[in-house]
Every structure is written in structure tokens, then in C-alpha cells.
Amino acid sequence: MRIPITRLLNILWRGLYIVSSLLLNIAIARYFGASLSGWLFYTISIFALIIQGGGLSLESGILYFAAGKKMSESKLAGISLIWTLLISVLIWFCFSIFYPEHSAGSAFTDSMMAFCLFYVCGNMMITYFSNLFFARLKFSIPNLVGILFNLLLLVVIGYTSLSEGNRLSQETVVHI
């Protein structure tokens, strides 16, 4: 009887996470308008491509080894941290090659590099550590963190859009 209950809980928590993501996407499209939300979603798509390529499906290995107890969770966490650090160094290196004005200290380029690093590394860490919870059949914690983060972003977007008025720009979106 344990497996059906855990499957139902997984579906419940994942469903709540998807609903919060849908609300966040609606808020982004509503408050930022077509041009800024399109730019943001395009940028995030590029970051998602970096995550897929840079991740090398390490999350599958983490889930396999953690669920089978073939490797300790602390070693898997260490591998995840080291791999994410290597990817962040690679991102920084690519930014310094493709955006040489970054060396001059352009505020927008600095913000974009920080946005890329936080988004890519953050999502990689979320994925890797969520799999450690999933291997233990604990579905609520990773999904609850995602839900709370989406709700926090909803509040920040709402507050920023009210305080900025009609002056939203790419810089504002990156700083959020």
C-alpha cells in the first residue's frame, strides 16, 4: 500500500508546483508585456539549453545511485557541487569570450552574467538535490521549495511592477 500513496503524493505535490509555475508565467506575461516577457522566456530557453548540455544527465545517475544505495548521499552531493562549480567557471569563461565589454564593467552585462550563473547553477542544484529526496520517496520537500520560490517571485514581480509603474525594462527584469 505504500507505493500507491507515495505516487499520489508525488502527483499532488507536482501538480501544485505546476499550478504555481503557471501562475508565475501568467504574471510575467501580464506585468512585463509581450516584448519583455518574450525576451525573458527566450533568455531562459537559452539557459535551459545550457543546463541540458552542461548537466550531462547527471541527475539520472544521482537518482540511480541514491535509490539503490550504491553510493553515499554525501558523495553524490559533493559530486553535484563540484560539477555545478565547474559549469559556473565554464559560463564565466564563455561570458568573458563572447562579451569582452564585461571586462570594462558594463552594468547590464554584469547583471546578465549574474542572472545566467544564478539561474543555471541554481536549477542544476535544485535538480540534483531534488533527486536525493526523490530517491527516499520524499516528494513534498523539493516541490514545496519550488512552490514557495514561485510564490516569492510572484510577490516580487507584483511589488516591482507597482513601484516601477510603466518603466519596466530589460534591466529591471534581470534585477528581479
C-alpha atoms as a PDB file:
ATOM      1  CA  MET A   1       0.000   0.000   0.000  1.00  0.00           C
ATOM      2  CA  ARG A   2       2.948   2.372   0.409  1.00  0.00           C
ATOM      3  CA  ILE A   3       3.722   2.745  -3.280  1.00  0.00           C
ATOM      4  CA  PRO A   4       0.268   3.949  -4.386  1.00  0.00           C
ATOM      5  CA  ILE A   5       0.180   6.513  -1.563  1.00  0.00           C
ATOM      6  CA  THR A   6       3.623   7.845  -2.476  1.00  0.00           C
ATOM      7  CA  ARG A   7       2.625   8.063  -6.131  1.00  0.00           C
ATOM      8  CA  LEU A   8      -0.497  10.019  -5.216  1.00  0.00           C
ATOM      9  CA  LEU A   9       1.515  12.356  -3.006  1.00  0.00           C
ATOM     10  CA  ASN A  10       4.031  12.865  -5.804  1.00  0.00           C
ATOM     11  CA  ILE A  11       1.230  13.713  -8.237  1.00  0.00           C
ATOM     12  CA  LEU A  12      -0.350  16.090  -5.711  1.00  0.00           C
ATOM     13  CA  TRP A  13       2.847  17.980  -4.913  1.00  0.00           C
ATOM     14  CA  ARG A  14       3.991  18.101  -8.533  1.00  0.00           C
ATOM     15  CA  GLY A  15       0.539  19.340  -9.559  1.00  0.00           C
ATOM     16  CA  LEU A  16       0.684  22.155  -7.008  1.00  0.00           C
ATOM     17  CA  TYR A  17       4.149  23.075  -8.257  1.00  0.00           C
ATOM     18  CA  ILE A  18       2.917  23.180 -11.870  1.00  0.00           C
ATOM     19  CA  VAL A  19      -0.051  25.373 -10.892  1.00  0.00           C
ATOM     20  CA  SER A  20       2.305  27.810  -9.123  1.00  0.00           C
ATOM     21  CA  SER A  21       4.550  27.836 -12.214  1.00  0.00           C
ATOM     22  CA  LEU A  22       1.534  28.556 -14.411  1.00  0.00           C
ATOM     23  CA  LEU A  23       0.533  31.473 -12.175  1.00  0.00           C
ATOM     24  CA  LEU A  24       4.094  32.799 -12.314  1.00  0.00           C
ATOM     25  CA  ASN A  25       4.153  32.599 -16.126  1.00  0.00           C
ATOM     26  CA  ILE A  26       0.817  34.415 -16.341  1.00  0.00           C
ATOM     27  CA  ALA A  27       2.102  37.137 -14.011  1.00  0.00           C
ATOM     28  CA  ILE A  28       5.285  37.541 -16.058  1.00  0.00           C
ATOM     29  CA  ALA A  29       3.338  37.833 -19.310  1.00  0.00           C
ATOM     30  CA  ARG A  30       0.816  40.219 -17.744  1.00  0.00           C
ATOM     31  CA  TYR A  31       3.169  42.576 -15.949  1.00  0.00           C
ATOM     32  CA  PHE A  32       6.106  42.627 -18.363  1.00  0.00           C
ATOM     33  CA  GLY A  33       4.148  42.717 -21.599  1.00  0.00           C
ATOM     34  CA  ALA A  34       4.890  40.882 -24.818  1.00  0.00           C
ATOM     35  CA  SER A  35       8.336  42.233 -25.603  1.00  0.00           C
ATOM     36  CA  LEU A  36       9.914  41.868 -22.154  1.00  0.00           C
ATOM     37  CA  SER A  37       8.296  38.536 -21.335  1.00  0.00           C
ATOM     38  CA  GLY A  38       9.284  37.218 -24.773  1.00  0.00           C
ATOM     39  CA  TRP A  39      12.862  38.338 -24.185  1.00  0.00           C
ATOM     40  CA  LEU A  40      12.851  36.761 -20.719  1.00  0.00           C
ATOM     41  CA  PHE A  41      11.428  33.435 -21.913  1.00  0.00           C
ATOM     42  CA  TYR A  42      13.899  33.381 -24.837  1.00  0.00           C
ATOM     43  CA  THR A  43      16.791  34.014 -22.446  1.00  0.00           C
ATOM     44  CA  ILE A  44      15.567  31.295 -20.080  1.00  0.00           C
ATOM     45  CA  SER A  45      15.303  28.898 -23.044  1.00  0.00           C
ATOM     46  CA  ILE A  46      18.965  29.522 -23.799  1.00  0.00           C
ATOM     47  CA  PHE A  47      19.794  28.909 -20.145  1.00  0.00           C
ATOM     48  CA  ALA A  48      17.761  25.672 -20.239  1.00  0.00           C
ATOM     49  CA  LEU A  49      19.859  24.553 -23.200  1.00  0.00           C
ATOM     50  CA  ILE A  50      22.994  25.248 -21.163  1.00  0.00           C
ATOM     51  CA  ILE A  51      21.540  23.205 -18.287  1.00  0.00           C
ATOM     52  CA  GLN A  52      20.739  20.266 -20.571  1.00  0.00           C
ATOM     53  CA  GLY A  53      24.155  20.301 -22.207  1.00  0.00           C
ATOM     54  CA  GLY A  54      26.157  21.069 -19.090  1.00  0.00           C
ATOM     55  CA  GLY A  55      24.221  18.732 -16.841  1.00  0.00           C
ATOM     56  CA  LEU A  56      25.098  15.664 -18.932  1.00  0.00           C
ATOM     57  CA  SER A  57      22.115  13.901 -17.309  1.00  0.00           C
ATOM     58  CA  LEU A  58      23.960  13.714 -14.018  1.00  0.00           C
ATOM     59  CA  GLU A  59      20.595  13.847 -12.235  1.00  0.00           C
ATOM     60  CA  SER A  60      19.739  10.403 -13.648  1.00  0.00           C
ATOM     61  CA  GLY A  61      22.906   8.959 -12.182  1.00  0.00           C
ATOM     62  CA  ILE A  62      22.263  10.639  -8.851  1.00  0.00           C
ATOM     63  CA  LEU A  63      18.780   9.141  -8.681  1.00  0.00           C
ATOM     64  CA  TYR A  64      20.039   5.697  -9.714  1.00  0.00           C
ATOM     65  CA  PHE A  65      22.877   5.564  -7.196  1.00  0.00           C
ATOM     66  CA  ALA A  66      20.904   7.175  -4.365  1.00  0.00           C
ATOM     67  CA  ALA A  67      17.822   4.968  -4.788  1.00  0.00           C
ATOM     68  CA  GLY A  68      19.925   1.805  -4.978  1.00  0.00           C
ATOM     69  CA  LYS A  69      22.121   2.973  -2.091  1.00  0.00           C
ATOM     70  CA  LYS A  70      25.150   2.197  -4.249  1.00  0.00           C
ATOM     71  CA  MET A  71      26.868   5.428  -3.238  1.00  0.00           C
ATOM     72  CA  SER A  72      26.504   7.601  -0.163  1.00  0.00           C
ATOM     73  CA  GLU A  73      24.353  10.688  -0.455  1.00  0.00           C
ATOM     74  CA  SER A  74      27.167  12.899   0.811  1.00  0.00           C
ATOM     75  CA  LYS A  75      29.417  11.753  -2.046  1.00  0.00           C
ATOM     76  CA  LEU A  76      26.625  12.366  -4.539  1.00  0.00           C
ATOM     77  CA  ALA A  77      26.067  15.830  -3.063  1.00  0.00           C
ATOM     78  CA  GLY A  78      29.792  16.547  -3.323  1.00  0.00           C
ATOM     79  CA  ILE A  79      29.871  15.457  -6.964  1.00  0.00           C
ATOM     80  CA  SER A  80      26.870  17.707  -7.627  1.00  0.00           C
ATOM     81  CA  LEU A  81      28.557  20.701  -6.012  1.00  0.00           C
ATOM     82  CA  ILE A  82      31.826  20.158  -7.863  1.00  0.00           C
ATOM     83  CA  TRP A  83      30.052  19.693 -11.199  1.00  0.00           C
ATOM     84  CA  THR A  84      27.979  22.831 -10.693  1.00  0.00           C
ATOM     85  CA  LEU A  85      31.126  24.772  -9.792  1.00  0.00           C
ATOM     86  CA  LEU A  86      32.815  23.562 -12.994  1.00  0.00           C
ATOM     87  CA  ILE A  87      29.796  24.626 -15.051  1.00  0.00           C
ATOM     88  CA  SER A  88      29.816  28.061 -13.389  1.00  0.00           C
ATOM     89  CA  VAL A  89      33.506  28.510 -14.274  1.00  0.00           C
ATOM     90  CA  LEU A  90      32.708  27.478 -17.854  1.00  0.00           C
ATOM     91  CA  ILE A  91      29.862  30.014 -18.009  1.00  0.00           C
ATOM     92  CA  TRP A  92      32.131  32.758 -16.687  1.00  0.00           C
ATOM     93  CA  PHE A  93      34.789  31.820 -19.259  1.00  0.00           C
ATOM     94  CA  CYS A  94      32.254  31.874 -22.111  1.00  0.00           C
ATOM     95  CA  PHE A  95      30.931  35.254 -20.979  1.00  0.00           C
ATOM     96  CA  SER A  96      34.440  36.695 -20.945  1.00  0.00           C
ATOM     97  CA  ILE A  97      34.988  35.471 -24.525  1.00  0.00           C
ATOM     98  CA  PHE A  98      31.605  36.389 -26.034  1.00  0.00           C
ATOM     99  CA  TYR A  99      31.133  39.623 -24.083  1.00  0.00           C
ATOM    100  CA  PRO A 100      34.543  41.320 -23.886  1.00  0.00           C
ATOM    101  CA  GLU A 101      32.822  44.519 -22.703  1.00  0.00           C
ATOM    102  CA  HIS A 102      32.142  42.622 -19.467  1.00  0.00           C
ATOM    103  CA  SER A 103      35.764  43.312 -18.577  1.00  0.00           C
ATOM    104  CA  ALA A 104      35.025  47.030 -18.902  1.00  0.00           C
ATOM    105  CA  GLY A 105      32.314  46.691 -16.249  1.00  0.00           C
ATOM    106  CA  SER A 106      29.082  47.148 -18.210  1.00  0.00           C
ATOM    107  CA  ALA A 107      26.285  47.055 -15.621  1.00  0.00           C
ATOM    108  CA  PHE A 108      23.842  45.229 -17.906  1.00  0.00           C
ATOM    109  CA  THR A 109      26.416  42.616 -18.938  1.00  0.00           C
ATOM    110  CA  ASP A 110      27.405  42.095 -15.305  1.00  0.00           C
ATOM    111  CA  SER A 111      23.740  41.616 -14.412  1.00  0.00           C
ATOM    112  CA  MET A 112      23.235  39.209 -17.318  1.00  0.00           C
ATOM    113  CA  MET A 113      26.220  37.130 -16.258  1.00  0.00           C
ATOM    114  CA  ALA A 114      24.931  37.023 -12.678  1.00  0.00           C
ATOM    115  CA  PHE A 115      21.446  36.128 -13.984  1.00  0.00           C
ATOM    116  CA  CYS A 116      22.905  33.304 -16.074  1.00  0.00           C
ATOM    117  CA  LEU A 117      25.078  31.973 -13.265  1.00  0.00           C
ATOM    118  CA  PHE A 118      22.309  32.067 -10.660  1.00  0.00           C
ATOM    119  CA  TYR A 119      19.691  30.597 -12.976  1.00  0.00           C
ATOM    120  CA  VAL A 120      21.797  27.792 -14.438  1.00  0.00           C
ATOM    121  CA  CYS A 121      23.633  26.814 -11.256  1.00  0.00           C
ATOM    122  CA  GLY A 122      20.522  27.208  -9.123  1.00  0.00           C
ATOM    123  CA  ASN A 123      18.438  24.993 -11.374  1.00  0.00           C
ATOM    124  CA  MET A 124      21.184  22.390 -11.590  1.00  0.00           C
ATOM    125  CA  MET A 125      21.440  22.283  -7.790  1.00  0.00           C
ATOM    126  CA  ILE A 126      17.656  22.106  -7.415  1.00  0.00           C
ATOM    127  CA  THR A 127      17.520  19.199  -9.848  1.00  0.00           C
ATOM    128  CA  TYR A 128      20.424  17.307  -8.288  1.00  0.00           C
ATOM    129  CA  PHE A 129      19.292  17.687  -4.689  1.00  0.00           C
ATOM    130  CA  SER A 130      15.632  17.048  -5.522  1.00  0.00           C
ATOM    131  CA  ASN A 131      16.681  13.655  -6.833  1.00  0.00           C
ATOM    132  CA  LEU A 132      18.265  12.867  -3.479  1.00  0.00           C
ATOM    133  CA  PHE A 133      14.854  13.473  -1.887  1.00  0.00           C
ATOM    134  CA  PHE A 134      13.047  11.539  -4.626  1.00  0.00           C
ATOM    135  CA  ALA A 135      15.315   8.542  -4.029  1.00  0.00           C
ATOM    136  CA  ARG A 136      13.987   8.458  -0.436  1.00  0.00           C
ATOM    137  CA  LEU A 137      10.390   8.805  -1.720  1.00  0.00           C
ATOM    138  CA  LYS A 138      10.125  12.237  -0.074  1.00  0.00           C
ATOM    139  CA  PHE A 139       8.326  14.269  -2.700  1.00  0.00           C
ATOM    140  CA  SER A 140       6.931  17.077  -0.592  1.00  0.00           C
ATOM    141  CA  ILE A 141      10.117  18.976   0.333  1.00  0.00           C
ATOM    142  CA  PRO A 142      11.545  19.673  -3.156  1.00  0.00           C
ATOM    143  CA  ASN A 143       8.137  20.548  -4.566  1.00  0.00           C
ATOM    144  CA  LEU A 144       7.295  22.748  -1.571  1.00  0.00           C
ATOM    145  CA  VAL A 145      10.553  24.657  -2.057  1.00  0.00           C
ATOM    146  CA  GLY A 146       9.640  25.207  -5.715  1.00  0.00           C
ATOM    147  CA  ILE A 147       6.137  26.345  -4.809  1.00  0.00           C
ATOM    148  CA  LEU A 148       7.419  28.791  -2.186  1.00  0.00           C
ATOM    149  CA  PHE A 149      10.039  30.158  -4.579  1.00  0.00           C
ATOM    150  CA  ASN A 150       7.394  30.686  -7.293  1.00  0.00           C
ATOM    151  CA  LEU A 151       5.133  32.457  -4.796  1.00  0.00           C
ATOM    152  CA  LEU A 152       8.050  34.641  -3.677  1.00  0.00           C
ATOM    153  CA  LEU A 153       8.733  35.588  -7.297  1.00  0.00           C
ATOM    154  CA  LEU A 154       5.040  36.421  -7.745  1.00  0.00           C
ATOM    155  CA  VAL A 155       5.227  38.797  -4.784  1.00  0.00           C
ATOM    156  CA  VAL A 156       8.468  40.397  -6.025  1.00  0.00           C
ATOM    157  CA  ILE A 157       7.078  40.858  -9.541  1.00  0.00           C
ATOM    158  CA  GLY A 158       3.874  42.349  -8.178  1.00  0.00           C
ATOM    159  CA  TYR A 159       5.736  44.732  -5.875  1.00  0.00           C
ATOM    160  CA  THR A 160       8.262  45.742  -8.546  1.00  0.00           C
ATOM    161  CA  SER A 161       5.634  46.300 -11.218  1.00  0.00           C
ATOM    162  CA  LEU A 162       3.639  48.515  -8.832  1.00  0.00           C
ATOM    163  CA  SER A 163       6.674  50.531  -7.730  1.00  0.00           C
ATOM    164  CA  GLU A 164       8.216  50.844 -11.213  1.00  0.00           C
ATOM    165  CA  GLY A 165       4.960  51.758 -12.950  1.00  0.00           C
ATOM    166  CA  ASN A 166       5.422  51.761 -16.717  1.00  0.00           C
ATOM    167  CA  ARG A 167       9.224  51.985 -16.577  1.00  0.00           C
ATOM    168  CA  LEU A 168       9.890  48.261 -16.875  1.00  0.00           C
ATOM    169  CA  SER A 169      12.959  47.421 -18.925  1.00  0.00           C
ATOM    170  CA  GLN A 170      15.319  44.506 -19.520  1.00  0.00           C
ATOM    171  CA  GLU A 171      17.494  45.773 -16.681  1.00  0.00           C
ATOM    172  CA  THR A 172      14.530  45.700 -14.294  1.00  0.00           C
ATOM    173  CA  VAL A 173      13.646  42.155 -15.348  1.00  0.00           C
ATOM    174  CA  VAL A 174      17.249  40.978 -14.882  1.00  0.00           C
ATOM    175  CA  HIS A 175      17.475  42.615 -11.452  1.00  0.00           C
ATOM    176  CA  ILE A 176      14.288  40.892 -10.291  1.00  0.00           C
END
